[in-house]
Amino acid sequence: MPDPDLEKLRAARARLAGARGRLARPRACSLDECVTLLREAQGYLEWLRDSLQAGRGLRPEARAQAVALRAEIRHTGVLLQEAVRRGRRWLERLQTAGGYNSSGALLPLAPRGRIAILG
């Protein structure tokens, strides 16, 4: 019979791995999917926490998985911060661009610096 604590940890790890996989490529990441997966992982961990407050402890293999999951959560936090930073930079570049033309295409960026004709 499978251990319910291990099943909760595996489910949380699967959701976290899915979000982490999407965040590895922030431009292709669907923010809604990532947030949904992270919330599901959080729900499994809260469910595990609530069951532990009932007075029973974790088995050693579940404790080891919980420690490994903590490292994965930290890694996912770093990926989220990086995605936010890149997204912020992309928005800043978009706002400093010339805007859009009548067909909806992005206008080319104005060249920076000086152009010397004589070399």
N, C-alpha and C. Protein backbone atom coordinates (compact mmCIF):
# COMPACT_ATOMS: atom_id res chain seq x y z
N MET A 1 0.85 -1.18 0.00
CA MET A 1 0.00 0.00 0.00
C MET A 1 0.89 1.24 0.00
N PRO A 2 0.66 2.16 -0.92
CA PRO A 2 1.52 3.35 -0.99
C PRO A 2 1.31 4.27 0.22
N ASP A 3 2.40 4.90 0.59
CA ASP A 3 2.37 5.85 1.71
C ASP A 3 1.72 7.15 1.23
N PRO A 4 0.68 7.65 1.89
CA PRO A 4 0.02 8.88 1.43
C PRO A 4 0.94 10.10 1.49
N ASP A 5 1.86 10.13 2.47
CA ASP A 5 2.79 11.25 2.54
C ASP A 5 3.71 11.28 1.33
N LEU A 6 4.21 10.10 0.94
CA LEU A 6 5.08 10.02 -0.23
C LEU A 6 4.32 10.40 -1.50
N GLU A 7 3.06 10.00 -1.58
CA GLU A 7 2.25 10.33 -2.75
C GLU A 7 2.04 11.85 -2.86
N LYS A 8 1.81 12.49 -1.71
CA LYS A 8 1.64 13.95 -1.72
C LYS A 8 2.93 14.64 -2.14
N LEU A 9 4.06 14.15 -1.64
CA LEU A 9 5.34 14.74 -2.01
C LEU A 9 5.64 14.52 -3.49
N ARG A 10 5.32 13.33 -4.01
CA ARG A 10 5.55 13.07 -5.44
C ARG A 10 4.67 13.97 -6.30
N ALA A 11 3.43 14.16 -5.90
CA ALA A 11 2.53 15.02 -6.66
C ALA A 11 3.02 16.47 -6.63
N ALA A 12 3.46 16.93 -5.47
CA ALA A 12 3.99 18.30 -5.37
C ALA A 12 5.25 18.44 -6.22
N ARG A 13 6.12 17.43 -6.18
CA ARG A 13 7.36 17.47 -6.97
C ARG A 13 7.05 17.48 -8.47
N ALA A 14 6.05 16.73 -8.90
CA ALA A 14 5.67 16.70 -10.32
C ALA A 14 5.16 18.07 -10.77
N ARG A 15 4.34 18.70 -9.94
CA ARG A 15 3.83 20.04 -10.30
C ARG A 15 4.97 21.05 -10.34
N LEU A 16 5.86 20.95 -9.36
CA LEU A 16 6.99 21.88 -9.29
C LEU A 16 7.93 21.68 -10.48
N ALA A 17 8.16 20.44 -10.87
CA ALA A 17 9.02 20.16 -12.02
C ALA A 17 8.39 20.70 -13.30
N GLY A 18 7.08 20.60 -13.41
CA GLY A 18 6.40 21.15 -14.58
C GLY A 18 6.56 22.66 -14.67
N ALA A 19 6.39 23.33 -13.55
CA ALA A 19 6.55 24.80 -13.53
C ALA A 19 8.00 25.17 -13.80
N ARG A 20 8.93 24.43 -13.21
CA ARG A 20 10.35 24.72 -13.40
C ARG A 20 10.77 24.50 -14.86
N GLY A 21 10.22 23.47 -15.48
CA GLY A 21 10.52 23.22 -16.88
C GLY A 21 10.02 24.34 -17.77
N ARG A 22 8.86 24.87 -17.44
CA ARG A 22 8.34 25.99 -18.24
C ARG A 22 9.14 27.27 -18.00
N LEU A 23 9.57 27.48 -16.77
CA LEU A 23 10.30 28.70 -16.43
C LEU A 23 11.73 28.68 -16.94
N ALA A 24 12.23 27.53 -17.36
CA ALA A 24 13.57 27.47 -17.92
C ALA A 24 13.64 28.24 -19.23
N ARG A 25 12.50 28.38 -19.90
CA ARG A 25 12.41 29.19 -21.12
C ARG A 25 11.35 30.27 -20.88
N PRO A 26 11.73 31.39 -20.24
CA PRO A 26 10.72 32.37 -19.81
C PRO A 26 9.94 33.00 -20.94
N ARG A 27 10.54 33.13 -22.12
CA ARG A 27 9.79 33.76 -23.21
C ARG A 27 8.68 32.86 -23.73
N ALA A 28 8.87 31.55 -23.65
CA ALA A 28 7.86 30.61 -24.12
C ALA A 28 6.92 30.17 -23.00
N CYS A 29 7.15 30.66 -21.81
CA CYS A 29 6.38 30.23 -20.63
C CYS A 29 5.02 30.90 -20.61
N SER A 30 4.00 30.10 -20.37
CA SER A 30 2.67 30.64 -20.13
C SER A 30 2.55 30.89 -18.63
N LEU A 31 2.45 32.14 -18.27
CA LEU A 31 2.43 32.50 -16.85
C LEU A 31 1.27 31.84 -16.12
N ASP A 32 0.11 31.75 -16.76
CA ASP A 32 -1.05 31.15 -16.12
C ASP A 32 -0.80 29.68 -15.78
N GLU A 33 -0.16 28.94 -16.71
CA GLU A 33 0.13 27.53 -16.45
C GLU A 33 1.12 27.39 -15.30
N CYS A 34 2.15 28.23 -15.27
CA CYS A 34 3.15 28.16 -14.20
C CYS A 34 2.52 28.45 -12.84
N VAL A 35 1.70 29.47 -12.79
CA VAL A 35 1.05 29.83 -11.53
C VAL A 35 0.12 28.71 -11.07
N THR A 36 -0.61 28.11 -12.01
CA THR A 36 -1.50 27.00 -11.65
C THR A 36 -0.71 25.83 -11.08
N LEU A 37 0.39 25.47 -11.74
CA LEU A 37 1.21 24.35 -11.25
C LEU A 37 1.81 24.65 -9.89
N LEU A 38 2.28 25.87 -9.68
CA LEU A 38 2.85 26.23 -8.39
C LEU A 38 1.80 26.22 -7.29
N ARG A 39 0.59 26.66 -7.60
CA ARG A 39 -0.48 26.63 -6.60
C ARG A 39 -0.88 25.20 -6.26
N GLU A 40 -0.90 24.33 -7.28
CA GLU A 40 -1.21 22.92 -6.99
C GLU A 40 -0.13 22.31 -6.11
N ALA A 41 1.14 22.60 -6.40
CA ALA A 41 2.23 22.08 -5.56
C ALA A 41 2.09 22.60 -4.14
N GLN A 42 1.76 23.88 -4.00
CA GLN A 42 1.56 24.45 -2.67
C GLN A 42 0.40 23.77 -1.96
N GLY A 43 -0.65 23.46 -2.69
CA GLY A 43 -1.79 22.78 -2.09
C GLY A 43 -1.43 21.40 -1.56
N TYR A 44 -0.63 20.65 -2.32
CA TYR A 44 -0.19 19.34 -1.84
C TYR A 44 0.67 19.47 -0.59
N LEU A 45 1.54 20.47 -0.56
CA LEU A 45 2.40 20.65 0.61
C LEU A 45 1.59 21.08 1.83
N GLU A 46 0.59 21.93 1.62
CA GLU A 46 -0.27 22.33 2.74
C GLU A 46 -1.08 21.14 3.24
N TRP A 47 -1.51 20.30 2.33
CA TRP A 47 -2.25 19.10 2.70
C TRP A 47 -1.38 18.19 3.55
N LEU A 48 -0.11 18.05 3.16
CA LEU A 48 0.84 17.25 3.93
C LEU A 48 1.07 17.88 5.30
N ARG A 49 1.24 19.20 5.35
CA ARG A 49 1.46 19.89 6.62
C ARG A 49 0.28 19.69 7.56
N ASP A 50 -0.93 19.81 7.03
CA ASP A 50 -2.12 19.63 7.86
C ASP A 50 -2.22 18.22 8.41
N SER A 51 -1.82 17.24 7.60
CA SER A 51 -1.88 15.86 8.10
C SER A 51 -0.81 15.62 9.16
N LEU A 52 0.32 16.34 9.08
CA LEU A 52 1.37 16.19 10.09
C LEU A 52 0.98 16.86 11.41
N GLN A 53 0.16 17.89 11.34
CA GLN A 53 -0.29 18.56 12.56
C GLN A 53 -1.25 17.69 13.35
N ALA A 54 -1.74 16.64 12.72
CA ALA A 54 -2.65 15.73 13.41
C ALA A 54 -1.91 14.89 14.44
N GLY A 55 -0.58 14.99 14.49
CA GLY A 55 0.17 14.31 15.53
C GLY A 55 1.09 13.21 15.07
N ARG A 56 1.10 12.91 13.79
CA ARG A 56 2.00 11.85 13.34
C ARG A 56 3.18 12.47 12.60
N GLY A 57 4.31 11.82 12.67
CA GLY A 57 5.53 12.33 12.05
C GLY A 57 5.76 11.75 10.66
N LEU A 58 6.74 12.27 9.99
CA LEU A 58 7.11 11.78 8.66
C LEU A 58 8.01 10.56 8.78
N ARG A 59 7.87 9.64 7.85
CA ARG A 59 8.79 8.52 7.77
C ARG A 59 10.12 9.03 7.24
N PRO A 60 11.20 8.29 7.46
CA PRO A 60 12.51 8.77 7.00
C PRO A 60 12.60 9.01 5.49
N GLU A 61 11.99 8.15 4.68
CA GLU A 61 12.05 8.36 3.22
C GLU A 61 11.23 9.58 2.80
N ALA A 62 10.13 9.83 3.49
CA ALA A 62 9.34 11.03 3.20
C ALA A 62 10.08 12.28 3.65
N ARG A 63 10.80 12.19 4.76
CA ARG A 63 11.59 13.33 5.24
C ARG A 63 12.69 13.68 4.23
N ALA A 64 13.35 12.65 3.68
CA ALA A 64 14.41 12.88 2.68
C ALA A 64 13.83 13.53 1.43
N GLN A 65 12.66 13.08 1.01
CA GLN A 65 12.03 13.70 -0.15
C GLN A 65 11.60 15.14 0.13
N ALA A 66 11.16 15.41 1.34
CA ALA A 66 10.76 16.77 1.70
C ALA A 66 11.97 17.70 1.67
N VAL A 67 13.12 17.22 2.12
CA VAL A 67 14.34 18.03 2.08
C VAL A 67 14.75 18.30 0.63
N ALA A 68 14.65 17.28 -0.22
CA ALA A 68 14.97 17.46 -1.64
C ALA A 68 13.99 18.43 -2.30
N LEU A 69 12.74 18.35 -1.90
CA LEU A 69 11.73 19.25 -2.45
C LEU A 69 12.00 20.70 -2.05
N ARG A 70 12.54 20.89 -0.86
CA ARG A 70 12.90 22.24 -0.41
C ARG A 70 13.94 22.86 -1.35
N ALA A 71 14.92 22.07 -1.77
CA ALA A 71 15.93 22.57 -2.71
C ALA A 71 15.30 22.89 -4.06
N GLU A 72 14.37 22.07 -4.50
CA GLU A 72 13.70 22.34 -5.77
C GLU A 72 12.85 23.60 -5.71
N ILE A 73 12.25 23.85 -4.57
CA ILE A 73 11.45 25.06 -4.40
C ILE A 73 12.35 26.29 -4.47
N ARG A 74 13.52 26.21 -3.85
CA ARG A 74 14.46 27.33 -3.92
C ARG A 74 14.90 27.57 -5.36
N HIS A 75 15.18 26.50 -6.09
CA HIS A 75 15.59 26.64 -7.49
C HIS A 75 14.48 27.26 -8.33
N THR A 76 13.26 26.86 -8.08
CA THR A 76 12.13 27.43 -8.80
C THR A 76 11.97 28.91 -8.47
N GLY A 77 12.24 29.29 -7.23
CA GLY A 77 12.20 30.71 -6.86
C GLY A 77 13.22 31.53 -7.62
N VAL A 78 14.41 30.97 -7.82
CA VAL A 78 15.43 31.66 -8.60
C VAL A 78 14.97 31.81 -10.05
N LEU A 79 14.38 30.76 -10.61
CA LEU A 79 13.88 30.84 -11.98
C LEU A 79 12.76 31.87 -12.11
N LEU A 80 11.90 31.95 -11.11
CA LEU A 80 10.83 32.96 -11.14
C LEU A 80 11.41 34.37 -11.11
N GLN A 81 12.40 34.59 -10.26
CA GLN A 81 13.03 35.91 -10.20
C GLN A 81 13.68 36.27 -11.53
N GLU A 82 14.33 35.30 -12.15
CA GLU A 82 14.97 35.55 -13.44
C GLU A 82 13.93 35.85 -14.52
N ALA A 83 12.82 35.13 -14.51
CA ALA A 83 11.76 35.38 -15.48
C ALA A 83 11.16 36.77 -15.29
N VAL A 84 10.99 37.17 -14.05
CA VAL A 84 10.47 38.51 -13.77
C VAL A 84 11.45 39.57 -14.24
N ARG A 85 12.73 39.36 -13.98
CA ARG A 85 13.74 40.34 -14.39
C ARG A 85 13.79 40.47 -15.91
N ARG A 86 13.78 39.34 -16.60
CA ARG A 86 13.82 39.38 -18.07
C ARG A 86 12.55 39.99 -18.63
N GLY A 87 11.41 39.66 -18.03
CA GLY A 87 10.16 40.24 -18.50
C GLY A 87 10.12 41.74 -18.30
N ARG A 88 10.68 42.20 -17.19
CA ARG A 88 10.72 43.64 -16.91
C ARG A 88 11.61 44.35 -17.93
N ARG A 89 12.77 43.74 -18.23
CA ARG A 89 13.66 44.34 -19.23
C ARG A 89 13.01 44.38 -20.60
N TRP A 90 12.29 43.31 -20.95
CA TRP A 90 11.62 43.27 -22.25
C TRP A 90 10.57 44.37 -22.34
N LEU A 91 9.81 44.57 -21.25
CA LEU A 91 8.80 45.63 -21.26
C LEU A 91 9.44 47.01 -21.34
N GLU A 92 10.57 47.21 -20.66
CA GLU A 92 11.25 48.49 -20.73
C GLU A 92 11.74 48.78 -22.15
N ARG A 93 12.29 47.76 -22.80
CA ARG A 93 12.73 47.95 -24.19
C ARG A 93 11.56 48.24 -25.10
N LEU A 94 10.45 47.58 -24.86
CA LEU A 94 9.26 47.79 -25.67
C LEU A 94 8.74 49.21 -25.50
N GLN A 95 8.79 49.72 -24.27
CA GLN A 95 8.29 51.06 -24.01
C GLN A 95 9.23 52.13 -24.56
N THR A 96 10.53 51.86 -24.61
CA THR A 96 11.45 52.85 -25.15
C THR A 96 11.55 52.78 -26.67
N ALA A 97 10.95 51.76 -27.27
CA ALA A 97 10.94 51.66 -28.73
C ALA A 97 10.05 52.77 -29.29
N GLY A 98 10.09 52.91 -30.60
CA GLY A 98 9.34 53.97 -31.25
C GLY A 98 7.85 53.75 -31.23
N GLY A 99 7.39 52.61 -30.85
CA GLY A 99 5.96 52.33 -30.82
C GLY A 99 5.59 51.40 -31.96
N TYR A 100 4.36 51.53 -32.43
CA TYR A 100 3.85 50.66 -33.48
C TYR A 100 3.42 51.49 -34.67
N ASN A 101 3.47 50.89 -35.86
CA ASN A 101 2.99 51.58 -37.05
C ASN A 101 1.51 51.26 -37.25
N SER A 102 0.92 51.73 -38.35
CA SER A 102 -0.53 51.56 -38.56
C SER A 102 -0.92 50.10 -38.77
N SER A 103 0.01 49.26 -39.21
CA SER A 103 -0.33 47.84 -39.40
C SER A 103 -0.14 47.03 -38.12
N GLY A 104 0.35 47.64 -37.06
CA GLY A 104 0.53 46.96 -35.80
C GLY A 104 1.91 46.38 -35.59
N ALA A 105 2.82 46.62 -36.53
CA ALA A 105 4.19 46.12 -36.40
C ALA A 105 5.02 47.09 -35.56
N LEU A 106 5.99 46.53 -34.86
CA LEU A 106 6.86 47.34 -34.01
C LEU A 106 7.79 48.18 -34.89
N LEU A 107 7.87 49.46 -34.61
CA LEU A 107 8.77 50.33 -35.36
C LEU A 107 10.22 50.00 -35.02
N PRO A 108 11.13 50.16 -35.96
CA PRO A 108 12.54 49.85 -35.66
C PRO A 108 13.10 50.83 -34.63
N LEU A 109 14.04 50.32 -33.85
CA LEU A 109 14.69 51.16 -32.86
C LEU A 109 15.59 52.18 -33.54
N ALA A 110 15.63 53.36 -32.97
CA ALA A 110 16.51 54.40 -33.50
C ALA A 110 17.95 54.02 -33.17
N PRO A 111 18.87 54.21 -34.10
CA PRO A 111 20.27 53.86 -33.81
C PRO A 111 20.83 54.75 -32.71
N ARG A 112 21.65 54.16 -31.88
CA ARG A 112 22.29 54.92 -30.81
C ARG A 112 23.68 55.36 -31.26
N GLY A 113 24.13 56.41 -30.71
CA GLY A 113 25.48 56.88 -31.01
C GLY A 113 25.50 57.78 -32.23
N ARG A 114 26.67 57.90 -32.83
CA ARG A 114 26.84 58.76 -34.00
C ARG A 114 27.30 57.94 -35.20
N ILE A 115 26.93 58.42 -36.35
CA ILE A 115 27.37 57.79 -37.58
C ILE A 115 28.34 58.76 -38.24
N ALA A 116 29.56 58.30 -38.48
CA ALA A 116 30.58 59.15 -39.11
C ALA A 116 30.66 58.81 -40.59
N ILE A 117 30.56 59.83 -41.41
CA ILE A 117 30.63 59.61 -42.85
C ILE A 117 32.08 59.43 -43.29
N LEU A 118 32.97 60.15 -42.66
CA LEU A 118 34.37 60.11 -43.06
C LEU A 118 35.13 58.94 -42.45
N GLY A 119 34.51 58.28 -41.53
CA GLY A 119 35.15 57.09 -40.98
C GLY A 119 35.77 57.32 -39.69
